[in-house]
Amino acid sequence: MNRRTFLLAAASAPLITRLAGAESGKSYTFGLVAKSQGNAVFQVARVGAEAAARELGAQHGLQLHIDWRTPNEEDAQKQAEAIEQLVLAGAAGIAVSCSDANKLTDAINRAVQNGVPVATFDSDAPASKRFVTYGVDDGQCGEQVMVELARELGDKGVVAILAGNQNAPNLQKRVAGVKLEAKRHPGIRIKETFYHKETPADAAAAVERALQANPEITGWAMIGGWPLFTENALKWAPGTVKCVSVDALPMQLNYLVSGHVQVLLAQQCYQWGYRSIEHLLNKVHFKKSPTAVRDVSPLERITKENVAAYAENWKKWLPK
């Protein structure tokens, strides 16, 4: 299934996915509020959440339901409204990836004050009363992107950072990590950080404009894989510009094969959903809190050498 077909199918699905265990078991509805419908990584998170509801419900004799309340495009205000709506609808718990931590902190805190525990995934609201956050260590993620890119460039070159939403706290930390690591490589110069709307078309356009205005760029540190979610986004001849990107969705893997991208650092997008539901279930049903507020997931390094083996995972993560 290609990305467009998958997204259309997901968008047409019922708002609440009901995945039952034993019919007589206790029932919980968990809200899932990702950043945007149009970003494929969050569709994968949705699949993971639905799998968790199905598998954990069956395991514990419970009926677990997923209420997907994600805006079509990034909009922190709509996310805040979705959290409020989920509280009013009686959600037992909520998981959210924060487009803007400042705008979501109050909504998260009000949910918790009303007895609805909140977990964050991918992008945190650290000043809020969320009980756990699951995702990569964003500072280390940025550093790893730069480590890989510096190796590909032979420790010299002009680097541009593709950075997505300027207000997203997780991306701010990744940019800082890239810049910190770049200072350890005297032959590397950071040209500029390019922010953009987090859609494939907007990201690809940002890359193209940047290269036209700055032909001296020899490397791209992409702290998110947005332009690689579409075909023919990178206009340079393979190998003439080096590129390291976060994420490793099916469309992105093609750029490894073609040689336009040298390394992909895969986040655990499926686990964003699965692990978040697991945390919420432990909190509301088993009355167990995590041992630490930060539940850090590792990045997986994908190159042309292991891309075929990694691609097999998508048969589970994006089933037909």
C-alpha atoms as a PDB file:
ATOM      1  CA  MET A   1       0.000   0.000   0.000  1.00  0.00           C
ATOM      2  CA  ASN A   2       1.440   3.362  -0.913  1.00  0.00           C
ATOM      3  CA  ARG A   3       1.386   6.283   1.519  1.00  0.00           C
ATOM      4  CA  ARG A   4      -1.472   8.116  -0.201  1.00  0.00           C
ATOM      5  CA  THR A   5      -3.720   5.052  -0.168  1.00  0.00           C
ATOM      6  CA  PHE A   6      -2.899   4.363   3.475  1.00  0.00           C
ATOM      7  CA  LEU A   7      -3.625   7.915   4.578  1.00  0.00           C
ATOM      8  CA  LEU A   8      -6.932   7.998   2.709  1.00  0.00           C
ATOM      9  CA  ALA A   9      -7.953   4.712   4.294  1.00  0.00           C
ATOM     10  CA  ALA A  10      -6.965   5.947   7.742  1.00  0.00           C
ATOM     11  CA  ALA A  11      -8.811   9.235   7.305  1.00  0.00           C
ATOM     12  CA  SER A  12     -11.998   7.414   6.298  1.00  0.00           C
ATOM     13  CA  ALA A  13     -11.910   5.090   9.302  1.00  0.00           C
ATOM     14  CA  PRO A  14     -14.331   5.636  12.225  1.00  0.00           C
ATOM     15  CA  LEU A  15     -13.142   8.222  14.751  1.00  0.00           C
ATOM     16  CA  ILE A  16     -13.129   5.699  17.574  1.00  0.00           C
ATOM     17  CA  THR A  17     -11.541   2.349  16.846  1.00  0.00           C
ATOM     18  CA  ARG A  18     -13.137  -0.296  19.055  1.00  0.00           C
ATOM     19  CA  LEU A  19     -10.823  -3.190  19.696  1.00  0.00           C
ATOM     20  CA  ALA A  20     -12.341  -5.532  22.231  1.00  0.00           C
ATOM     21  CA  GLY A  21     -10.918  -8.196  24.463  1.00  0.00           C
ATOM     22  CA  ALA A  22     -13.392 -10.333  26.351  1.00  0.00           C
ATOM     23  CA  GLU A  23     -16.850  -8.853  25.831  1.00  0.00           C
ATOM     24  CA  SER A  24     -17.580  -8.964  29.534  1.00  0.00           C
ATOM     25  CA  GLY A  25     -14.380  -7.135  30.453  1.00  0.00           C
ATOM     26  CA  LYS A  26     -14.064  -3.598  31.725  1.00  0.00           C
ATOM     27  CA  SER A  27     -13.961  -0.917  29.046  1.00  0.00           C
ATOM     28  CA  TYR A  28     -11.549   2.018  28.626  1.00  0.00           C
ATOM     29  CA  THR A  29     -11.304   4.653  25.919  1.00  0.00           C
ATOM     30  CA  PHE A  30      -7.917   6.279  25.382  1.00  0.00           C
ATOM     31  CA  GLY A  31      -7.523   9.457  23.349  1.00  0.00           C
ATOM     32  CA  LEU A  32      -4.688   9.771  20.846  1.00  0.00           C
ATOM     33  CA  VAL A  33      -3.789  13.306  19.722  1.00  0.00           C
ATOM     34  CA  ALA A  34      -0.892  13.396  17.262  1.00  0.00           C
ATOM     35  CA  LYS A  35       0.497  16.467  15.508  1.00  0.00           C
ATOM     36  CA  SER A  36      -1.119  16.027  12.098  1.00  0.00           C
ATOM     37  CA  GLN A  37      -3.016  13.562   9.940  1.00  0.00           C
ATOM     38  CA  GLY A  38      -0.772  14.395   6.996  1.00  0.00           C
ATOM     39  CA  ASN A  39       2.466  13.223   8.607  1.00  0.00           C
ATOM     40  CA  ALA A  40       2.870   9.501   7.967  1.00  0.00           C
ATOM     41  CA  VAL A  41       4.827   8.866  11.180  1.00  0.00           C
ATOM     42  CA  PHE A  42       1.683   9.605  13.165  1.00  0.00           C
ATOM     43  CA  GLN A  43      -0.408   7.255  11.085  1.00  0.00           C
ATOM     44  CA  VAL A  44       2.103   4.580  12.101  1.00  0.00           C
ATOM     45  CA  ALA A  45       1.667   5.636  15.745  1.00  0.00           C
ATOM     46  CA  ARG A  46      -2.082   5.177  15.297  1.00  0.00           C
ATOM     47  CA  VAL A  47      -1.558   1.631  13.981  1.00  0.00           C
ATOM     48  CA  GLY A  48       0.640   0.928  17.014  1.00  0.00           C
ATOM     49  CA  ALA A  49      -1.999   2.252  19.419  1.00  0.00           C
ATOM     50  CA  GLU A  50      -4.695   0.136  17.808  1.00  0.00           C
ATOM     51  CA  ALA A  51      -2.458  -2.941  18.007  1.00  0.00           C
ATOM     52  CA  ALA A  52      -1.837  -2.248  21.701  1.00  0.00           C
ATOM     53  CA  ALA A  53      -5.577  -1.921  22.336  1.00  0.00           C
ATOM     54  CA  ARG A  54      -6.252  -5.193  20.535  1.00  0.00           C
ATOM     55  CA  GLU A  55      -3.400  -7.195  22.060  1.00  0.00           C
ATOM     56  CA  LEU A  56      -3.476  -5.814  25.613  1.00  0.00           C
ATOM     57  CA  GLY A  57      -7.264  -5.969  25.669  1.00  0.00           C
ATOM     58  CA  ALA A  58      -7.181  -9.643  24.765  1.00  0.00           C
ATOM     59  CA  GLN A  59      -4.373 -10.322  27.220  1.00  0.00           C
ATOM     60  CA  HIS A  60      -6.171  -8.766  30.205  1.00  0.00           C
ATOM     61  CA  GLY A  61      -9.801  -9.446  29.296  1.00  0.00           C
ATOM     62  CA  LEU A  62     -10.568  -5.765  28.715  1.00  0.00           C
ATOM     63  CA  GLN A  63     -12.277  -3.714  26.024  1.00  0.00           C
ATOM     64  CA  LEU A  64      -9.894  -0.967  24.922  1.00  0.00           C
ATOM     65  CA  HIS A  65     -10.949   1.742  22.474  1.00  0.00           C
ATOM     66  CA  ILE A  66      -8.798   4.325  20.666  1.00  0.00           C
ATOM     67  CA  ASP A  67     -10.326   7.769  20.063  1.00  0.00           C
ATOM     68  CA  TRP A  68      -8.161   9.416  17.372  1.00  0.00           C
ATOM     69  CA  ARG A  69      -8.455  13.234  17.594  1.00  0.00           C
ATOM     70  CA  THR A  70      -5.644  14.557  15.424  1.00  0.00           C
ATOM     71  CA  PRO A  71      -5.886  17.778  13.353  1.00  0.00           C
ATOM     72  CA  ASN A  72      -5.456  17.505   9.601  1.00  0.00           C
ATOM     73  CA  GLU A  73      -2.490  19.869   9.786  1.00  0.00           C
ATOM     74  CA  GLU A  74      -0.364  21.004  12.715  1.00  0.00           C
ATOM     75  CA  ASP A  75      -2.378  23.260  15.003  1.00  0.00           C
ATOM     76  CA  ALA A  76      -1.600  23.372  18.721  1.00  0.00           C
ATOM     77  CA  GLN A  77      -4.883  25.150  19.487  1.00  0.00           C
ATOM     78  CA  LYS A  78      -6.846  22.341  17.843  1.00  0.00           C
ATOM     79  CA  GLN A  79      -4.805  19.839  19.845  1.00  0.00           C
ATOM     80  CA  ALA A  80      -5.722  21.679  23.053  1.00  0.00           C
ATOM     81  CA  GLU A  81      -9.387  21.630  22.030  1.00  0.00           C
ATOM     82  CA  ALA A  82      -9.138  17.907  21.276  1.00  0.00           C
ATOM     83  CA  ILE A  83      -7.800  17.244  24.777  1.00  0.00           C
ATOM     84  CA  GLU A  84     -10.708  19.199  26.285  1.00  0.00           C
ATOM     85  CA  GLN A  85     -13.197  17.304  24.109  1.00  0.00           C
ATOM     86  CA  LEU A  86     -11.724  13.968  25.134  1.00  0.00           C
ATOM     87  CA  VAL A  87     -12.095  14.876  28.812  1.00  0.00           C
ATOM     88  CA  LEU A  88     -15.741  15.825  28.237  1.00  0.00           C
ATOM     89  CA  ALA A  89     -16.291  12.587  26.292  1.00  0.00           C
ATOM     90  CA  GLY A  90     -15.100  10.541  29.265  1.00  0.00           C
ATOM     91  CA  ALA A  91     -11.711   9.343  28.032  1.00  0.00           C
ATOM     92  CA  ALA A  92      -9.861   7.297  30.642  1.00  0.00           C
ATOM     93  CA  GLY A  93      -6.494   8.680  29.513  1.00  0.00           C
ATOM     94  CA  ILE A  94      -4.892  10.695  26.746  1.00  0.00           C
ATOM     95  CA  ALA A  95      -1.626  10.494  24.789  1.00  0.00           C
ATOM     96  CA  VAL A  96      -0.484  13.580  22.866  1.00  0.00           C
ATOM     97  CA  SER A  97       2.456  14.647  20.695  1.00  0.00           C
ATOM     98  CA  CYS A  98       2.810  18.367  21.366  1.00  0.00           C
ATOM     99  CA  SER A  99       3.105  20.783  18.453  1.00  0.00           C
ATOM    100  CA  ASP A 100       3.682  23.650  20.911  1.00  0.00           C
ATOM    101  CA  ALA A 101       4.365  22.831  24.552  1.00  0.00           C
ATOM    102  CA  ASN A 102       3.420  26.304  25.778  1.00  0.00           C
ATOM    103  CA  LYS A 103      -0.012  26.163  24.163  1.00  0.00           C
ATOM    104  CA  LEU A 104      -0.737  22.624  25.390  1.00  0.00           C
ATOM    105  CA  THR A 105       0.493  22.744  28.967  1.00  0.00           C
ATOM    106  CA  ASP A 106      -2.701  24.302  30.346  1.00  0.00           C
ATOM    107  CA  ALA A 107      -4.931  21.846  28.480  1.00  0.00           C
ATOM    108  CA  ILE A 108      -2.884  18.908  29.769  1.00  0.00           C
ATOM    109  CA  ASN A 109      -2.984  20.256  33.328  1.00  0.00           C
ATOM    110  CA  ARG A 110      -6.766  20.751  33.194  1.00  0.00           C
ATOM    111  CA  ALA A 111      -7.212  17.176  32.005  1.00  0.00           C
ATOM    112  CA  VAL A 112      -5.109  15.862  34.883  1.00  0.00           C
ATOM    113  CA  GLN A 113      -7.008  18.053  37.358  1.00  0.00           C
ATOM    114  CA  ASN A 114     -10.184  16.428  36.068  1.00  0.00           C
ATOM    115  CA  GLY A 115      -8.789  12.981  36.775  1.00  0.00           C
ATOM    116  CA  VAL A 116      -7.631  12.093  33.257  1.00  0.00           C
ATOM    117  CA  PRO A 117      -3.954  11.081  33.144  1.00  0.00           C
ATOM    118  CA  VAL A 118      -1.947  12.340  30.168  1.00  0.00           C
ATOM    119  CA  ALA A 119       1.132  10.831  28.519  1.00  0.00           C
ATOM    120  CA  THR A 120       3.170  12.539  25.818  1.00  0.00           C
ATOM    121  CA  PHE A 121       5.024  10.885  22.967  1.00  0.00           C
ATOM    122  CA  ASP A 122       7.512  12.132  20.387  1.00  0.00           C
ATOM    123  CA  SER A 123       7.219  15.781  21.529  1.00  0.00           C
ATOM    124  CA  ASP A 124       6.889  16.598  25.210  1.00  0.00           C
ATOM    125  CA  ALA A 125       5.402  19.372  27.361  1.00  0.00           C
ATOM    126  CA  PRO A 126       7.916  19.127  30.208  1.00  0.00           C
ATOM    127  CA  ALA A 127       6.341  21.839  32.387  1.00  0.00           C
ATOM    128  CA  SER A 128       2.956  20.090  32.347  1.00  0.00           C
ATOM    129  CA  LYS A 129       1.509  17.482  34.701  1.00  0.00           C
ATOM    130  CA  ARG A 130       1.855  14.622  32.204  1.00  0.00           C
ATOM    131  CA  PHE A 131       2.984  11.495  34.047  1.00  0.00           C
ATOM    132  CA  VAL A 132       5.316  10.059  31.374  1.00  0.00           C
ATOM    133  CA  THR A 133       6.869  10.945  28.029  1.00  0.00           C
ATOM    134  CA  TYR A 134       7.980   8.389  25.450  1.00  0.00           C
ATOM    135  CA  GLY A 135      10.374   9.083  22.596  1.00  0.00           C
ATOM    136  CA  VAL A 136      13.966   9.600  21.640  1.00  0.00           C
ATOM    137  CA  ASP A 137      16.391  11.771  23.578  1.00  0.00           C
ATOM    138  CA  ASP A 138      16.087  14.709  21.202  1.00  0.00           C
ATOM    139  CA  GLY A 139      19.402  16.326  22.072  1.00  0.00           C
ATOM    140  CA  GLN A 140      21.225  13.062  21.473  1.00  0.00           C
ATOM    141  CA  CYS A 141      19.196  12.534  18.294  1.00  0.00           C
ATOM    142  CA  GLY A 142      20.470  15.825  16.860  1.00  0.00           C
ATOM    143  CA  GLU A 143      24.022  14.976  17.862  1.00  0.00           C
ATOM    144  CA  GLN A 144      23.787  11.563  16.193  1.00  0.00           C
ATOM    145  CA  VAL A 145      22.511  13.127  12.956  1.00  0.00           C
ATOM    146  CA  MET A 146      25.565  15.379  12.899  1.00  0.00           C
ATOM    147  CA  VAL A 147      27.965  12.561  13.808  1.00  0.00           C
ATOM    148  CA  GLU A 148      26.719  10.522  10.858  1.00  0.00           C
ATOM    149  CA  LEU A 149      26.775  13.489   8.476  1.00  0.00           C
ATOM    150  CA  ALA A 150      30.275  14.579   9.494  1.00  0.00           C
ATOM    151  CA  ARG A 151      31.502  11.043   8.801  1.00  0.00           C
ATOM    152  CA  GLU A 152      29.916  11.083   5.342  1.00  0.00           C
ATOM    153  CA  LEU A 153      31.439  14.501   4.594  1.00  0.00           C
ATOM    154  CA  GLY A 154      34.911  13.505   5.744  1.00  0.00           C
ATOM    155  CA  ASP A 155      34.661  16.120   8.526  1.00  0.00           C
ATOM    156  CA  LYS A 156      34.519  19.100   6.180  1.00  0.00           C
ATOM    157  CA  GLY A 157      31.740  20.933   4.391  1.00  0.00           C
ATOM    158  CA  VAL A 158      28.851  23.386   4.598  1.00  0.00           C
ATOM    159  CA  VAL A 159      25.791  21.978   6.347  1.00  0.00           C
ATOM    160  CA  ALA A 160      22.156  23.062   6.324  1.00  0.00           C
ATOM    161  CA  ILE A 161      19.661  21.938   8.978  1.00  0.00           C
ATOM    162  CA  LEU A 162      16.098  21.100   7.962  1.00  0.00           C
ATOM    163  CA  ALA A 163      14.096  21.728  11.102  1.00  0.00           C
ATOM    164  CA  GLY A 164      10.305  21.677  10.626  1.00  0.00           C
ATOM    165  CA  ASN A 165       8.143  23.578  13.115  1.00  0.00           C
ATOM    166  CA  GLN A 166      10.154  26.222  14.953  1.00  0.00           C
ATOM    167  CA  ASN A 167       7.858  25.992  18.005  1.00  0.00           C
ATOM    168  CA  ALA A 168       8.059  22.210  18.511  1.00  0.00           C
ATOM    169  CA  PRO A 169      10.106  21.543  21.670  1.00  0.00           C
ATOM    170  CA  ASN A 170      11.463  18.209  20.448  1.00  0.00           C
ATOM    171  CA  LEU A 171      12.756  19.785  17.236  1.00  0.00           C
ATOM    172  CA  GLN A 172      14.318  22.706  19.093  1.00  0.00           C
ATOM    173  CA  LYS A 173      16.368  20.215  21.101  1.00  0.00           C
ATOM    174  CA  ARG A 174      17.412  18.324  17.963  1.00  0.00           C
ATOM    175  CA  VAL A 175      18.622  21.525  16.298  1.00  0.00           C
ATOM    176  CA  ALA A 176      20.625  22.329  19.424  1.00  0.00           C
ATOM    177  CA  GLY A 177      22.112  18.823  19.325  1.00  0.00           C
ATOM    178  CA  VAL A 178      23.174  19.193  15.681  1.00  0.00           C
ATOM    179  CA  LYS A 179      24.857  22.529  16.412  1.00  0.00           C
ATOM    180  CA  LEU A 180      26.563  21.212  19.539  1.00  0.00           C
ATOM    181  CA  GLU A 181      28.059  18.258  17.683  1.00  0.00           C
ATOM    182  CA  ALA A 182      29.082  20.470  14.742  1.00  0.00           C
ATOM    183  CA  LYS A 183      31.319  22.464  17.079  1.00  0.00           C
ATOM    184  CA  ARG A 184      33.353  19.289  17.598  1.00  0.00           C
ATOM    185  CA  HIS A 185      34.178  19.214  13.877  1.00  0.00           C
ATOM    186  CA  PRO A 186      36.239  22.320  12.953  1.00  0.00           C
ATOM    187  CA  GLY A 187      35.925  21.593   9.240  1.00  0.00           C
ATOM    188  CA  ILE A 188      32.114  21.681   9.378  1.00  0.00           C
ATOM    189  CA  ARG A 189      30.262  24.994   9.041  1.00  0.00           C
ATOM    190  CA  ILE A 190      26.533  25.314   9.721  1.00  0.00           C
ATOM    191  CA  LYS A 191      25.119  27.539   6.991  1.00  0.00           C
ATOM    192  CA  GLU A 192      21.582  28.006   8.279  1.00  0.00           C
ATOM    193  CA  THR A 193      18.595  26.349   9.928  1.00  0.00           C
ATOM    194  CA  PHE A 194      15.556  26.126   7.666  1.00  0.00           C
ATOM    195  CA  TYR A 195      12.106  25.943   9.280  1.00  0.00           C
ATOM    196  CA  HIS A 196       8.952  25.058   7.377  1.00  0.00           C
ATOM    197  CA  LYS A 197       5.442  23.711   7.595  1.00  0.00           C
ATOM    198  CA  GLU A 198       5.629  19.996   8.308  1.00  0.00           C
ATOM    199  CA  THR A 199       4.222  18.635   5.057  1.00  0.00           C
ATOM    200  CA  PRO A 200       6.245  16.798   2.388  1.00  0.00           C
ATOM    201  CA  ALA A 201       5.559  19.489  -0.212  1.00  0.00           C
ATOM    202  CA  ASP A 202       6.542  22.388   2.045  1.00  0.00           C
ATOM    203  CA  ALA A 203       9.671  20.599   3.243  1.00  0.00           C
ATOM    204  CA  ALA A 204      10.785  19.681  -0.279  1.00  0.00           C
ATOM    205  CA  ALA A 205      10.208  23.279  -1.399  1.00  0.00           C
ATOM    206  CA  ALA A 206      12.289  24.556   1.525  1.00  0.00           C
ATOM    207  CA  VAL A 207      15.190  22.297   0.513  1.00  0.00           C
ATOM    208  CA  GLU A 208      15.000  23.376  -3.114  1.00  0.00           C
ATOM    209  CA  ARG A 209      14.894  27.095  -2.243  1.00  0.00           C
ATOM    210  CA  ALA A 210      17.794  26.697   0.155  1.00  0.00           C
ATOM    211  CA  LEU A 211      19.995  24.990  -2.434  1.00  0.00           C
ATOM    212  CA  GLN A 212      19.172  27.555  -5.100  1.00  0.00           C
ATOM    213  CA  ALA A 213      20.118  30.389  -2.750  1.00  0.00           C
ATOM    214  CA  ASN A 214      23.108  28.558  -1.230  1.00  0.00           C
ATOM    215  CA  PRO A 215      24.782  26.304  -3.815  1.00  0.00           C
ATOM    216  CA  GLU A 216      27.758  25.878  -1.481  1.00  0.00           C
ATOM    217  CA  ILE A 217      25.714  23.528   0.777  1.00  0.00           C
ATOM    218  CA  THR A 218      27.334  20.088   0.713  1.00  0.00           C
ATOM    219  CA  GLY A 219      25.352  18.349   3.454  1.00  0.00           C
ATOM    220  CA  TRP A 220      21.851  18.228   4.910  1.00  0.00           C
ATOM    221  CA  ALA A 221      21.102  17.408   8.536  1.00  0.00           C
ATOM    222  CA  MET A 222      17.378  16.585   8.443  1.00  0.00           C
ATOM    223  CA  ILE A 223      16.092  16.298  11.992  1.00  0.00           C
ATOM    224  CA  GLY A 224      12.805  15.052  10.542  1.00  0.00           C
ATOM    225  CA  GLY A 225      12.232  13.196   7.302  1.00  0.00           C
ATOM    226  CA  TRP A 226       9.425  15.375   5.907  1.00  0.00           C
ATOM    227  CA  PRO A 227      10.622  15.880   2.294  1.00  0.00           C
ATOM    228  CA  LEU A 228      11.436  12.191   1.977  1.00  0.00           C
ATOM    229  CA  PHE A 229       7.772  11.235   2.391  1.00  0.00           C
ATOM    230  CA  THR A 230       7.273  12.052  -1.291  1.00  0.00           C
ATOM    231  CA  GLU A 231       8.989  11.095  -4.544  1.00  0.00           C
ATOM    232  CA  ASN A 232      11.768  13.038  -6.284  1.00  0.00           C
ATOM    233  CA  ALA A 233      12.149  15.575  -3.491  1.00  0.00           C
ATOM    234  CA  LEU A 234      15.948  15.780  -3.660  1.00  0.00           C
ATOM    235  CA  LYS A 235      17.130  17.360  -6.881  1.00  0.00           C
ATOM    236  CA  TRP A 236      20.862  16.751  -6.613  1.00  0.00           C
ATOM    237  CA  ALA A 237      22.728  13.919  -8.314  1.00  0.00           C
ATOM    238  CA  PRO A 238      23.215  11.027  -5.847  1.00  0.00           C
ATOM    239  CA  GLY A 239      26.303  11.556  -3.722  1.00  0.00           C
ATOM    240  CA  THR A 240      27.001  15.160  -4.742  1.00  0.00           C
ATOM    241  CA  VAL A 241      25.256  16.383  -1.575  1.00  0.00           C
ATOM    242  CA  LYS A 242      25.317  14.185   1.516  1.00  0.00           C
ATOM    243  CA  CYS A 243      22.180  13.712   3.589  1.00  0.00           C
ATOM    244  CA  VAL A 244      21.358  12.148   6.948  1.00  0.00           C
ATOM    245  CA  SER A 245      17.736  12.137   8.093  1.00  0.00           C
ATOM    246  CA  VAL A 246      15.624  11.077  11.034  1.00  0.00           C
ATOM    247  CA  ASP A 247      12.841   8.517  10.374  1.00  0.00           C
ATOM    248  CA  ALA A 248      12.760   5.560   8.003  1.00  0.00           C
ATOM    249  CA  LEU A 249       9.297   5.216   6.513  1.00  0.00           C
ATOM    250  CA  PRO A 250       8.833   3.137   3.353  1.00  0.00           C
ATOM    251  CA  MET A 251       9.075   6.087   0.961  1.00  0.00           C
ATOM    252  CA  GLN A 252      12.241   7.293   2.702  1.00  0.00           C
ATOM    253  CA  LEU A 253      13.943   3.947   2.193  1.00  0.00           C
ATOM    254  CA  ASN A 254      13.913   4.577  -1.560  1.00  0.00           C
ATOM    255  CA  TYR A 255      16.288   7.497  -1.051  1.00  0.00           C
ATOM    256  CA  LEU A 256      18.801   5.162   0.592  1.00  0.00           C
ATOM    257  CA  VAL A 257      18.569   2.786  -2.332  1.00  0.00           C
ATOM    258  CA  SER A 258      19.002   5.617  -4.868  1.00  0.00           C
ATOM    259  CA  GLY A 259      22.021   7.030  -3.004  1.00  0.00           C
ATOM    260  CA  HIS A 260      20.469  10.459  -2.340  1.00  0.00           C
ATOM    261  CA  VAL A 261      20.515   9.739   1.417  1.00  0.00           C
ATOM    262  CA  GLN A 262      23.383   8.003   3.179  1.00  0.00           C
ATOM    263  CA  VAL A 263      21.910   7.259   6.628  1.00  0.00           C
ATOM    264  CA  LEU A 264      18.409   7.166   8.115  1.00  0.00           C
ATOM    265  CA  LEU A 265      17.951   7.160  11.882  1.00  0.00           C
ATOM    266  CA  ALA A 266      14.681   5.383  12.564  1.00  0.00           C
ATOM    267  CA  GLN A 267      12.457   6.466  15.426  1.00  0.00           C
ATOM    268  CA  GLN A 268      10.142   3.907  16.994  1.00  0.00           C
ATOM    269  CA  CYS A 269       6.974   5.440  15.475  1.00  0.00           C
ATOM    270  CA  TYR A 270       4.924   2.273  15.904  1.00  0.00           C
ATOM    271  CA  GLN A 271       5.927   2.179  19.563  1.00  0.00           C
ATOM    272  CA  TRP A 272       4.844   5.806  20.053  1.00  0.00           C
ATOM    273  CA  GLY A 273       1.301   4.533  19.901  1.00  0.00           C
ATOM    274  CA  TYR A 274       1.809   1.084  21.390  1.00  0.00           C
ATOM    275  CA  ARG A 275       3.896   2.161  24.358  1.00  0.00           C
ATOM    276  CA  SER A 276       1.672   5.160  25.111  1.00  0.00           C
ATOM    277  CA  ILE A 277      -1.408   2.941  25.397  1.00  0.00           C
ATOM    278  CA  GLU A 278       0.561   0.508  27.538  1.00  0.00           C
ATOM    279  CA  HIS A 279       1.545   3.329  29.902  1.00  0.00           C
ATOM    280  CA  LEU A 280      -2.037   4.627  30.091  1.00  0.00           C
ATOM    281  CA  LEU A 281      -3.435   1.156  30.776  1.00  0.00           C
ATOM    282  CA  ASN A 282      -0.912   0.572  33.557  1.00  0.00           C
ATOM    283  CA  LYS A 283      -1.834   3.932  35.071  1.00  0.00           C
ATOM    284  CA  VAL A 284      -5.644   3.718  34.997  1.00  0.00           C
ATOM    285  CA  HIS A 285      -6.299  -0.024  35.338  1.00  0.00           C
ATOM    286  CA  PHE A 286      -3.338  -1.418  37.258  1.00  0.00           C
ATOM    287  CA  LYS A 287      -2.655   1.809  39.208  1.00  0.00           C
ATOM    288  CA  LYS A 288       1.028   1.561  38.325  1.00  0.00           C
ATOM    289  CA  SER A 289       3.187   4.555  37.481  1.00  0.00           C
ATOM    290  CA  PRO A 290       6.352   4.245  35.387  1.00  0.00           C
ATOM    291  CA  THR A 291       9.652   4.083  37.229  1.00  0.00           C
ATOM    292  CA  ALA A 292      10.818   7.251  35.462  1.00  0.00           C
ATOM    293  CA  VAL A 293       9.036  10.152  33.760  1.00  0.00           C
ATOM    294  CA  ARG A 294      11.214   9.800  30.649  1.00  0.00           C
ATOM    295  CA  ASP A 295      10.845   6.540  28.733  1.00  0.00           C
ATOM    296  CA  VAL A 296      13.611   6.852  26.144  1.00  0.00           C
ATOM    297  CA  SER A 297      13.451   4.870  22.908  1.00  0.00           C
ATOM    298  CA  PRO A 298      16.565   4.178  20.814  1.00  0.00           C
ATOM    299  CA  LEU A 299      17.239   5.216  17.234  1.00  0.00           C
ATOM    300  CA  GLU A 300      18.002   2.512  14.694  1.00  0.00           C
ATOM    301  CA  ARG A 301      20.686   3.199  12.063  1.00  0.00           C
ATOM    302  CA  ILE A 302      19.524   2.260   8.565  1.00  0.00           C
ATOM    303  CA  THR A 303      21.887   2.272   5.565  1.00  0.00           C
ATOM    304  CA  LYS A 304      21.918   0.776   2.091  1.00  0.00           C
ATOM    305  CA  GLU A 305      23.425  -2.378   3.620  1.00  0.00           C
ATOM    306  CA  ASN A 306      20.508  -3.193   5.961  1.00  0.00           C
ATOM    307  CA  VAL A 307      17.608  -1.379   4.279  1.00  0.00           C
ATOM    308  CA  ALA A 308      16.071  -4.524   2.748  1.00  0.00           C
ATOM    309  CA  ALA A 309      15.889  -6.286   6.117  1.00  0.00           C
ATOM    310  CA  TYR A 310      14.474  -3.213   7.843  1.00  0.00           C
ATOM    311  CA  ALA A 311      11.798  -2.802   5.149  1.00  0.00           C
ATOM    312  CA  GLU A 312      10.241  -6.110   6.246  1.00  0.00           C
ATOM    313  CA  ASN A 313       9.047  -4.414   9.458  1.00  0.00           C
ATOM    314  CA  TRP A 314       6.558  -2.317   7.512  1.00  0.00           C
ATOM    315  CA  LYS A 315       4.449  -5.358   6.687  1.00  0.00           C
ATOM    316  CA  LYS A 316       3.399  -5.255  10.352  1.00  0.00           C
ATOM    317  CA  TRP A 317       3.533  -1.521  10.930  1.00  0.00           C
ATOM    318  CA  LEU A 318       1.511  -0.514   7.868  1.00  0.00           C
ATOM    319  CA  PRO A 319      -0.591  -3.587   7.112  1.00  0.00           C
ATOM    320  CA  LYS A 320      -2.608  -3.743   3.919  1.00  0.00           C
END
